[in-house]
PDB file of all heavy atoms in Angstrom:
ATOM      1  N   PRO A   1      39.441  43.012  33.298  1.00  0.00           N
ATOM      2  CA  PRO A   1      38.858  41.655  33.229  1.00  0.00           C
ATOM      3  C   PRO A   1      37.341  41.732  33.181  1.00  0.00           C
ATOM      4  O   PRO A   1      36.729  42.546  33.930  1.00  0.00           O
ATOM      5  CB  PRO A   1      39.395  41.058  34.531  1.00  0.00           C
ATOM      6  CG  PRO A   1      40.605  41.780  34.914  1.00  0.00           C
ATOM      7  CD  PRO A   1      40.462  43.174  34.377  1.00  0.00           C
ATOM      8  N   GLY A   2      36.748  40.887  32.323  1.00  0.00           N
ATOM      9  CA  GLY A   2      35.315  40.927  32.157  1.00  0.00           C
ATOM     10  C   GLY A   2      34.717  41.944  31.207  1.00  0.00           C
ATOM     11  O   GLY A   2      33.540  42.089  31.132  1.00  0.00           O
ATOM     12  N   GLN A   3      35.599  42.666  30.577  1.00  0.00           N
ATOM     13  CA  GLN A   3      35.114  43.763  29.610  1.00  0.00           C
ATOM     14  C   GLN A   3      35.421  43.344  28.190  1.00  0.00           C
ATOM     15  O   GLN A   3      36.291  42.563  27.913  1.00  0.00           O
ATOM     16  CB  GLN A   3      35.775  45.032  29.938  1.00  0.00           C
ATOM     17  CG  GLN A   3      35.270  45.734  31.218  1.00  0.00           C
ATOM     18  CD  GLN A   3      35.741  47.186  31.336  1.00  0.00           C
ATOM     19  OE1 GLN A   3      36.830  47.454  30.950  1.00  0.00           O
ATOM     20  NE2 GLN A   3      34.972  47.978  31.979  1.00  0.00           N
ATOM     21  N   SER A   4      34.676  43.908  27.255  1.00  0.00           N
ATOM     22  CA  SER A   4      34.954  43.743  25.801  1.00  0.00           C
ATOM     23  C   SER A   4      34.910  45.174  25.157  1.00  0.00           C
ATOM     24  O   SER A   4      34.279  46.153  25.681  1.00  0.00           O
ATOM     25  CB  SER A   4      33.856  42.840  25.234  1.00  0.00           C
ATOM     26  OG  SER A   4      32.597  43.500  25.303  1.00  0.00           O
ATOM     27  N   ALA A   5      35.682  45.309  24.108  1.00  0.00           N
ATOM     28  CA  ALA A   5      35.767  46.548  23.418  1.00  0.00           C
ATOM     29  C   ALA A   5      35.541  46.260  21.936  1.00  0.00           C
ATOM     30  O   ALA A   5      35.856  45.167  21.393  1.00  0.00           O
ATOM     31  CB  ALA A   5      37.044  47.249  23.668  1.00  0.00           C
ATOM     32  N   ARG A   6      35.040  47.214  21.237  1.00  0.00           N
ATOM     33  CA  ARG A   6      34.753  47.051  19.745  1.00  0.00           C
ATOM     34  C   ARG A   6      34.810  48.387  19.046  1.00  0.00           C
ATOM     35  O   ARG A   6      34.606  49.437  19.652  1.00  0.00           O
ATOM     36  CB  ARG A   6      33.442  46.401  19.569  1.00  0.00           C
ATOM     37  CG  ARG A   6      32.239  47.236  20.088  1.00  0.00           C
ATOM     38  CD  ARG A   6      30.967  46.420  19.823  1.00  0.00           C
ATOM     39  NE  ARG A   6      29.772  47.295  20.212  1.00  0.00           N
ATOM     40  CZ  ARG A   6      29.297  47.317  21.433  1.00  0.00           C
ATOM     41  NH1 ARG A   6      29.764  46.548  22.399  1.00  0.00           N
ATOM     42  NH2 ARG A   6      28.244  48.019  21.717  1.00  0.00           N
ATOM     43  N   ALA A   7      34.931  48.358  17.738  1.00  0.00           N
ATOM     44  CA  ALA A   7      34.968  49.474  16.882  1.00  0.00           C
ATOM     45  C   ALA A   7      34.602  48.967  15.495  1.00  0.00           C
ATOM     46  O   ALA A   7      34.880  47.831  15.097  1.00  0.00           O
ATOM     47  CB  ALA A   7      36.368  50.234  16.778  1.00  0.00           C
ATOM     48  N   THR A   8      33.892  49.930  14.779  1.00  0.00           N
ATOM     49  CA  THR A   8      33.284  49.558  13.524  1.00  0.00           C
ATOM     50  C   THR A   8      34.011  50.265  12.374  1.00  0.00           C
ATOM     51  O   THR A   8      34.397  51.507  12.558  1.00  0.00           O
ATOM     52  CB  THR A   8      31.892  49.942  13.388  1.00  0.00           C
ATOM     53  OG1 THR A   8      31.138  49.154  14.411  1.00  0.00           O
ATOM     54  CG2 THR A   8      31.320  49.540  12.045  1.00  0.00           C
ATOM     55  N   PHE A   9      34.486  49.588  11.291  1.00  0.00           N
ATOM     56  CA  PHE A   9      35.190  50.132  10.155  1.00  0.00           C
ATOM     57  C   PHE A   9      34.306  49.935   8.896  1.00  0.00           C
ATOM     58  O   PHE A   9      33.653  48.879   8.767  1.00  0.00           O
ATOM     59  CB  PHE A   9      36.540  49.470  10.014  1.00  0.00           C
ATOM     60  CG  PHE A   9      37.450  49.720  11.148  1.00  0.00           C
ATOM     61  CD1 PHE A   9      37.415  48.920  12.253  1.00  0.00           C
ATOM     62  CD2 PHE A   9      38.401  50.732  11.057  1.00  0.00           C
ATOM     63  CE1 PHE A   9      38.338  49.094  13.301  1.00  0.00           C
ATOM     64  CE2 PHE A   9      39.314  50.935  12.034  1.00  0.00           C
ATOM     65  CZ  PHE A   9      39.232  50.142  13.191  1.00  0.00           C
ATOM     66  N   ARG A  10      34.368  51.014   7.995  1.00  0.00           N
ATOM     67  CA  ARG A  10      33.627  50.942   6.833  1.00  0.00           C
ATOM     68  C   ARG A  10      34.621  50.734   5.700  1.00  0.00           C
ATOM     69  O   ARG A  10      35.591  51.380   5.580  1.00  0.00           O
ATOM     70  CB  ARG A  10      32.788  52.231   6.564  1.00  0.00           C
ATOM     71  CG  ARG A  10      31.989  52.706   7.793  1.00  0.00           C
ATOM     72  CD  ARG A  10      30.667  52.019   7.816  1.00  0.00           C
ATOM     73  NE  ARG A  10      29.887  52.404   9.002  1.00  0.00           N
ATOM     74  CZ  ARG A  10      28.814  51.947   9.288  1.00  0.00           C
ATOM     75  NH1 ARG A  10      28.140  51.068   8.451  1.00  0.00           N
ATOM     76  NH2 ARG A  10      28.064  52.289  10.411  1.00  0.00           N
ATOM     77  N   VAL A  11      34.290  49.746   4.852  1.00  0.00           N
ATOM     78  CA  VAL A  11      35.186  49.430   3.658  1.00  0.00           C
ATOM     79  C   VAL A  11      34.438  49.455   2.388  1.00  0.00           C
ATOM     80  O   VAL A  11      33.332  48.923   2.252  1.00  0.00           O
ATOM     81  CB  VAL A  11      35.768  47.899   3.899  1.00  0.00           C
ATOM     82  CG1 VAL A  11      36.685  47.508   2.740  1.00  0.00           C
ATOM     83  CG2 VAL A  11      36.423  47.864   5.278  1.00  0.00           C
ATOM     84  N   ARG A  12      35.018  50.237   1.389  1.00  0.00           N
ATOM     85  CA  ARG A  12      34.431  50.256   0.122  1.00  0.00           C
ATOM     86  C   ARG A  12      35.426  49.794  -0.866  1.00  0.00           C
ATOM     87  O   ARG A  12      36.415  50.469  -1.303  1.00  0.00           O
ATOM     88  CB  ARG A  12      34.153  51.782  -0.229  1.00  0.00           C
ATOM     89  CG  ARG A  12      33.349  51.911  -1.642  1.00  0.00           C
ATOM     90  CD  ARG A  12      33.019  53.391  -1.871  1.00  0.00           C
ATOM     91  NE  ARG A  12      32.154  53.929  -0.909  1.00  0.00           N
ATOM     92  CZ  ARG A  12      30.801  53.782  -0.967  1.00  0.00           C
ATOM     93  NH1 ARG A  12      30.257  53.231  -2.046  1.00  0.00           N
ATOM     94  NH2 ARG A  12      30.000  54.383  -0.104  1.00  0.00           N
ATOM     95  N   PRO A  13      35.327  48.431  -1.343  1.00  0.00           N
ATOM     96  CA  PRO A  13      36.229  47.901  -2.373  1.00  0.00           C
ATOM     97  C   PRO A  13      35.978  48.412  -3.695  1.00  0.00           C
ATOM     98  O   PRO A  13      34.966  48.963  -3.981  1.00  0.00           O
ATOM     99  CB  PRO A  13      35.900  46.334  -2.139  1.00  0.00           C
ATOM    100  CG  PRO A  13      34.439  46.268  -1.775  1.00  0.00           C
ATOM    101  CD  PRO A  13      34.296  47.497  -0.860  1.00  0.00           C
ATOM    102  N   ARG A  14      36.991  48.242  -4.581  1.00  0.00           N
ATOM    103  CA  ARG A  14      36.823  48.680  -5.951  1.00  0.00           C
ATOM    104  C   ARG A  14      35.789  47.743  -6.622  1.00  0.00           C
ATOM    105  O   ARG A  14      35.692  46.516  -6.290  1.00  0.00           O
ATOM    106  CB  ARG A  14      38.207  48.507  -6.681  1.00  0.00           C
ATOM    107  CG  ARG A  14      39.194  49.539  -6.162  1.00  0.00           C
ATOM    108  CD  ARG A  14      40.521  49.274  -6.806  1.00  0.00           C
ATOM    109  NE  ARG A  14      41.562  50.221  -6.414  1.00  0.00           N
ATOM    110  CZ  ARG A  14      42.842  50.113  -6.765  1.00  0.00           C
ATOM    111  NH1 ARG A  14      43.304  49.148  -7.459  1.00  0.00           N
ATOM    112  NH2 ARG A  14      43.668  51.006  -6.090  1.00  0.00           N
ATOM    113  N   ALA A  15      35.114  48.308  -7.588  1.00  0.00           N
ATOM    114  CA  ALA A  15      34.067  47.552  -8.269  1.00  0.00           C
ATOM    115  C   ALA A  15      34.609  46.328  -8.982  1.00  0.00           C
ATOM    116  O   ALA A  15      35.624  46.434  -9.663  1.00  0.00           O
ATOM    117  CB  ALA A  15      33.364  48.436  -9.352  1.00  0.00           C
ATOM    118  N   GLY A  16      34.002  45.228  -8.737  1.00  0.00           N
ATOM    119  CA  GLY A  16      34.341  43.946  -9.446  1.00  0.00           C
ATOM    120  C   GLY A  16      35.583  43.231  -8.824  1.00  0.00           C
ATOM    121  O   GLY A  16      35.964  42.256  -9.385  1.00  0.00           O
ATOM    122  N   GLU A  17      36.192  43.765  -7.744  1.00  0.00           N
ATOM    123  CA  GLU A  17      37.374  43.093  -7.154  1.00  0.00           C
ATOM    124  C   GLU A  17      36.984  42.472  -5.777  1.00  0.00           C
ATOM    125  O   GLU A  17      36.192  43.073  -5.033  1.00  0.00           O
ATOM    126  CB  GLU A  17      38.423  44.091  -6.987  1.00  0.00           C
ATOM    127  CG  GLU A  17      39.035  44.704  -8.263  1.00  0.00           C
ATOM    128  CD  GLU A  17      40.295  45.551  -8.072  1.00  0.00           C
ATOM    129  OE1 GLU A  17      40.666  45.609  -6.882  1.00  0.00           O
ATOM    130  OE2 GLU A  17      40.813  46.102  -9.008  1.00  0.00           O
ATOM    131  N   PRO A  18      37.533  41.327  -5.547  1.00  0.00           N
ATOM    132  CA  PRO A  18      37.303  40.730  -4.180  1.00  0.00           C
ATOM    133  C   PRO A  18      37.968  41.513  -3.088  1.00  0.00           C
ATOM    134  O   PRO A  18      38.915  42.217  -3.298  1.00  0.00           O
ATOM    135  CB  PRO A  18      37.888  39.342  -4.356  1.00  0.00           C
ATOM    136  CG  PRO A  18      38.953  39.474  -5.423  1.00  0.00           C
ATOM    137  CD  PRO A  18      38.427  40.574  -6.355  1.00  0.00           C
ATOM    138  N   LEU A  19      37.428  41.334  -1.927  1.00  0.00           N
ATOM    139  CA  LEU A  19      37.946  42.085  -0.770  1.00  0.00           C
ATOM    140  C   LEU A  19      39.055  41.196  -0.012  1.00  0.00           C
ATOM    141  O   LEU A  19      38.781  40.130   0.370  1.00  0.00           O
ATOM    142  CB  LEU A  19      36.810  42.363   0.224  1.00  0.00           C
ATOM    143  CG  LEU A  19      37.240  43.043   1.562  1.00  0.00           C
ATOM    144  CD1 LEU A  19      37.804  44.421   1.238  1.00  0.00           C
ATOM    145  CD2 LEU A  19      36.067  43.181   2.437  1.00  0.00           C
ATOM    146  N   HIS A  20      40.189  41.802   0.065  1.00  0.00           N
ATOM    147  CA  HIS A  20      41.287  41.172   0.743  1.00  0.00           C
ATOM    148  C   HIS A  20      41.676  42.128   1.913  1.00  0.00           C
ATOM    149  O   HIS A  20      42.274  43.222   1.653  1.00  0.00           O
ATOM    150  CB  HIS A  20      42.533  40.911  -0.177  1.00  0.00           C
ATOM    151  CG  HIS A  20      42.251  39.953  -1.217  1.00  0.00           C
ATOM    152  ND1 HIS A  20      42.112  38.544  -0.991  1.00  0.00           N
ATOM    153  CD2 HIS A  20      41.875  40.230  -2.568  1.00  0.00           C
ATOM    154  CE1 HIS A  20      41.823  38.006  -2.174  1.00  0.00           C
ATOM    155  NE2 HIS A  20      41.677  38.933  -3.106  1.00  0.00           N
ATOM    156  N   ALA A  21      41.279  41.741   3.087  1.00  0.00           N
ATOM    157  CA  ALA A  21      41.477  42.753   4.213  1.00  0.00           C
ATOM    158  C   ALA A  21      41.939  41.905   5.505  1.00  0.00           C
ATOM    159  O   ALA A  21      41.742  40.673   5.534  1.00  0.00           O
ATOM    160  CB  ALA A  21      40.090  43.505   4.517  1.00  0.00           C
ATOM    161  N   ALA A  22      42.429  42.675   6.515  1.00  0.00           N
ATOM    162  CA  ALA A  22      42.912  42.101   7.698  1.00  0.00           C
ATOM    163  C   ALA A  22      42.624  43.091   8.832  1.00  0.00           C
ATOM    164  O   ALA A  22      42.885  44.275   8.582  1.00  0.00           O
ATOM    165  CB  ALA A  22      44.282  41.576   7.755  1.00  0.00           C
ATOM    166  N   ALA A  23      42.155  42.641   9.943  1.00  0.00           N
ATOM    167  CA  ALA A  23      42.046  43.476  11.135  1.00  0.00           C
ATOM    168  C   ALA A  23      43.184  43.267  12.018  1.00  0.00           C
ATOM    169  O   ALA A  23      43.728  42.132  12.094  1.00  0.00           O
ATOM    170  CB  ALA A  23      40.729  43.146  11.795  1.00  0.00           C
ATOM    171  N   TYR A  24      43.639  44.288  12.727  1.00  0.00           N
ATOM    172  CA  TYR A  24      44.780  44.256  13.624  1.00  0.00           C
ATOM    173  C   TYR A  24      44.245  44.706  15.017  1.00  0.00           C
ATOM    174  O   TYR A  24      43.699  45.712  15.150  1.00  0.00           O
ATOM    175  CB  TYR A  24      45.889  45.046  13.182  1.00  0.00           C
ATOM    176  CG  TYR A  24      46.497  44.589  11.831  1.00  0.00           C
ATOM    177  CD1 TYR A  24      46.007  45.000  10.671  1.00  0.00           C
ATOM    178  CD2 TYR A  24      47.584  43.691  11.875  1.00  0.00           C
ATOM    179  CE1 TYR A  24      46.552  44.582   9.402  1.00  0.00           C
ATOM    180  CE2 TYR A  24      48.101  43.214  10.737  1.00  0.00           C
ATOM    181  CZ  TYR A  24      47.621  43.596   9.539  1.00  0.00           C
ATOM    182  OH  TYR A  24      48.041  43.184   8.277  1.00  0.00           O
ATOM    183  N   VAL A  25      44.579  43.886  15.988  1.00  0.00           N
ATOM    184  CA  VAL A  25      44.202  44.107  17.394  1.00  0.00           C
ATOM    185  C   VAL A  25      45.504  44.263  18.216  1.00  0.00           C
ATOM    186  O   VAL A  25      46.292  43.298  18.223  1.00  0.00           O
ATOM    187  CB  VAL A  25      43.333  43.036  18.011  1.00  0.00           C
ATOM    188  CG1 VAL A  25      43.049  43.324  19.432  1.00  0.00           C
ATOM    189  CG2 VAL A  25      41.946  42.935  17.244  1.00  0.00           C
ATOM    190  N   GLY A  26      45.741  45.446  18.750  1.00  0.00           N
ATOM    191  CA  GLY A  26      46.908  45.713  19.584  1.00  0.00           C
ATOM    192  C   GLY A  26      46.647  45.984  20.963  1.00  0.00           C
ATOM    193  O   GLY A  26      45.519  46.440  21.336  1.00  0.00           O
ATOM    194  N   TYR A  27      47.517  45.623  21.883  1.00  0.00           N
ATOM    195  CA  TYR A  27      47.371  45.955  23.351  1.00  0.00           C
ATOM    196  C   TYR A  27      48.761  45.954  23.943  1.00  0.00           C
ATOM    197  O   TYR A  27      49.686  45.582  23.312  1.00  0.00           O
ATOM    198  CB  TYR A  27      46.507  44.946  24.036  1.00  0.00           C
ATOM    199  CG  TYR A  27      46.956  43.482  23.921  1.00  0.00           C
ATOM    200  CD1 TYR A  27      47.720  42.993  24.973  1.00  0.00           C
ATOM    201  CD2 TYR A  27      46.638  42.723  22.810  1.00  0.00           C
ATOM    202  CE1 TYR A  27      48.202  41.655  24.868  1.00  0.00           C
ATOM    203  CE2 TYR A  27      47.062  41.460  22.729  1.00  0.00           C
ATOM    204  CZ  TYR A  27      47.887  40.804  23.692  1.00  0.00           C
ATOM    205  OH  TYR A  27      48.279  39.591  23.733  1.00  0.00           O
ATOM    206  N   ARG A  28      48.823  46.366  25.129  1.00  0.00           N
ATOM    207  CA  ARG A  28      50.015  46.459  25.882  1.00  0.00           C
ATOM    208  C   ARG A  28      49.866  45.855  27.294  1.00  0.00           C
ATOM    209  O   ARG A  28      48.870  46.287  27.996  1.00  0.00           O
ATOM    210  CB  ARG A  28      50.526  47.875  25.991  1.00  0.00           C
ATOM    211  CG  ARG A  28      51.865  48.046  26.595  1.00  0.00           C
ATOM    212  CD  ARG A  28      52.295  49.563  26.628  1.00  0.00           C
ATOM    213  NE  ARG A  28      53.571  49.772  27.182  1.00  0.00           N
ATOM    214  CZ  ARG A  28      54.725  49.727  26.650  1.00  0.00           C
ATOM    215  NH1 ARG A  28      54.788  49.531  25.320  1.00  0.00           N
ATOM    216  NH2 ARG A  28      55.923  49.955  27.267  1.00  0.00           N
ATOM    217  N   THR A  29      50.847  45.111  27.748  1.00  0.00           N
ATOM    218  CA  THR A  29      50.800  44.610  29.103  1.00  0.00           C
ATOM    219  C   THR A  29      52.226  44.184  29.414  1.00  0.00           C
ATOM    220  O   THR A  29      53.049  43.935  28.507  1.00  0.00           O
ATOM    221  CB  THR A  29      49.925  43.475  29.311  1.00  0.00           C
ATOM    222  OG1 THR A  29      49.753  43.147  30.647  1.00  0.00           O
ATOM    223  CG2 THR A  29      50.287  42.163  28.621  1.00  0.00           C
ATOM    224  N   ALA A  30      52.628  44.135  30.706  1.00  0.00           N
ATOM    225  CA  ALA A  30      53.977  43.753  31.033  1.00  0.00           C
ATOM    226  C   ALA A  30      54.956  44.630  30.341  1.00  0.00           C
ATOM    227  O   ALA A  30      56.059  44.161  29.981  1.00  0.00           O
ATOM    228  CB  ALA A  30      54.278  42.283  30.808  1.00  0.00           C
ATOM    229  N   ARG A  31      54.652  45.929  30.167  1.00  0.00           N
ATOM    230  CA  ARG A  31      55.569  46.965  29.636  1.00  0.00           C
ATOM    231  C   ARG A  31      55.905  46.793  28.112  1.00  0.00           C
ATOM    232  O   ARG A  31      56.896  47.362  27.660  1.00  0.00           O
ATOM    233  CB  ARG A  31      56.907  47.041  30.475  1.00  0.00           C
ATOM    234  CG  ARG A  31      56.620  47.390  31.946  1.00  0.00           C
ATOM    235  CD  ARG A  31      57.975  47.575  32.663  1.00  0.00           C
ATOM    236  NE  ARG A  31      57.716  47.872  34.054  1.00  0.00           N
ATOM    237  CZ  ARG A  31      58.700  48.003  34.937  1.00  0.00           C
ATOM    238  NH1 ARG A  31      59.967  47.757  34.570  1.00  0.00           N
ATOM    239  NH2 ARG A  31      58.398  48.264  36.173  1.00  0.00           N
ATOM    240  N   SER A  32      55.254  45.874  27.454  1.00  0.00           N
ATOM    241  CA  SER A  32      55.554  45.695  26.007  1.00  0.00           C
ATOM    242  C   SER A  32      54.311  45.464  25.265  1.00  0.00           C
ATOM    243  O   SER A  32      53.399  44.884  25.681  1.00  0.00           O
ATOM    244  CB  SER A  32      56.627  44.544  25.831  1.00  0.00           C
ATOM    245  OG  SER A  32      56.109  43.411  26.388  1.00  0.00           O
ATOM    246  N   PRO A  33      54.262  45.829  23.976  1.00  0.00           N
ATOM    247  CA  PRO A  33      53.055  45.703  23.173  1.00  0.00           C
ATOM    248  C   PRO A  33      52.984  44.315  22.464  1.00  0.00           C
ATOM    249  O   PRO A  33      53.976  43.640  22.282  1.00  0.00           O
ATOM    250  CB  PRO A  33      53.178  46.747  22.080  1.00  0.00           C
ATOM    251  CG  PRO A  33      54.710  47.001  21.945  1.00  0.00           C
ATOM    252  CD  PRO A  33      55.275  46.671  23.244  1.00  0.00           C
ATOM    253  N   ALA A  34      51.822  44.003  22.037  1.00  0.00           N
ATOM    254  CA  ALA A  34      51.517  42.798  21.256  1.00  0.00           C
ATOM    255  C   ALA A  34      50.478  43.196  20.236  1.00  0.00           C
ATOM    256  O   ALA A  34      49.650  44.046  20.367  1.00  0.00           O
ATOM    257  CB  ALA A  34      51.058  41.608  22.126  1.00  0.00           C
TER     258      ALA A  34
END
């Protein structure tokens, strides 16, 4: 409680194409993941 975590990702899309991306955040509590 009261903490934050972060990580940086580098993305190189193909030339001339729009970027379609999604980030996923996972964690576990009460013995099961989310």
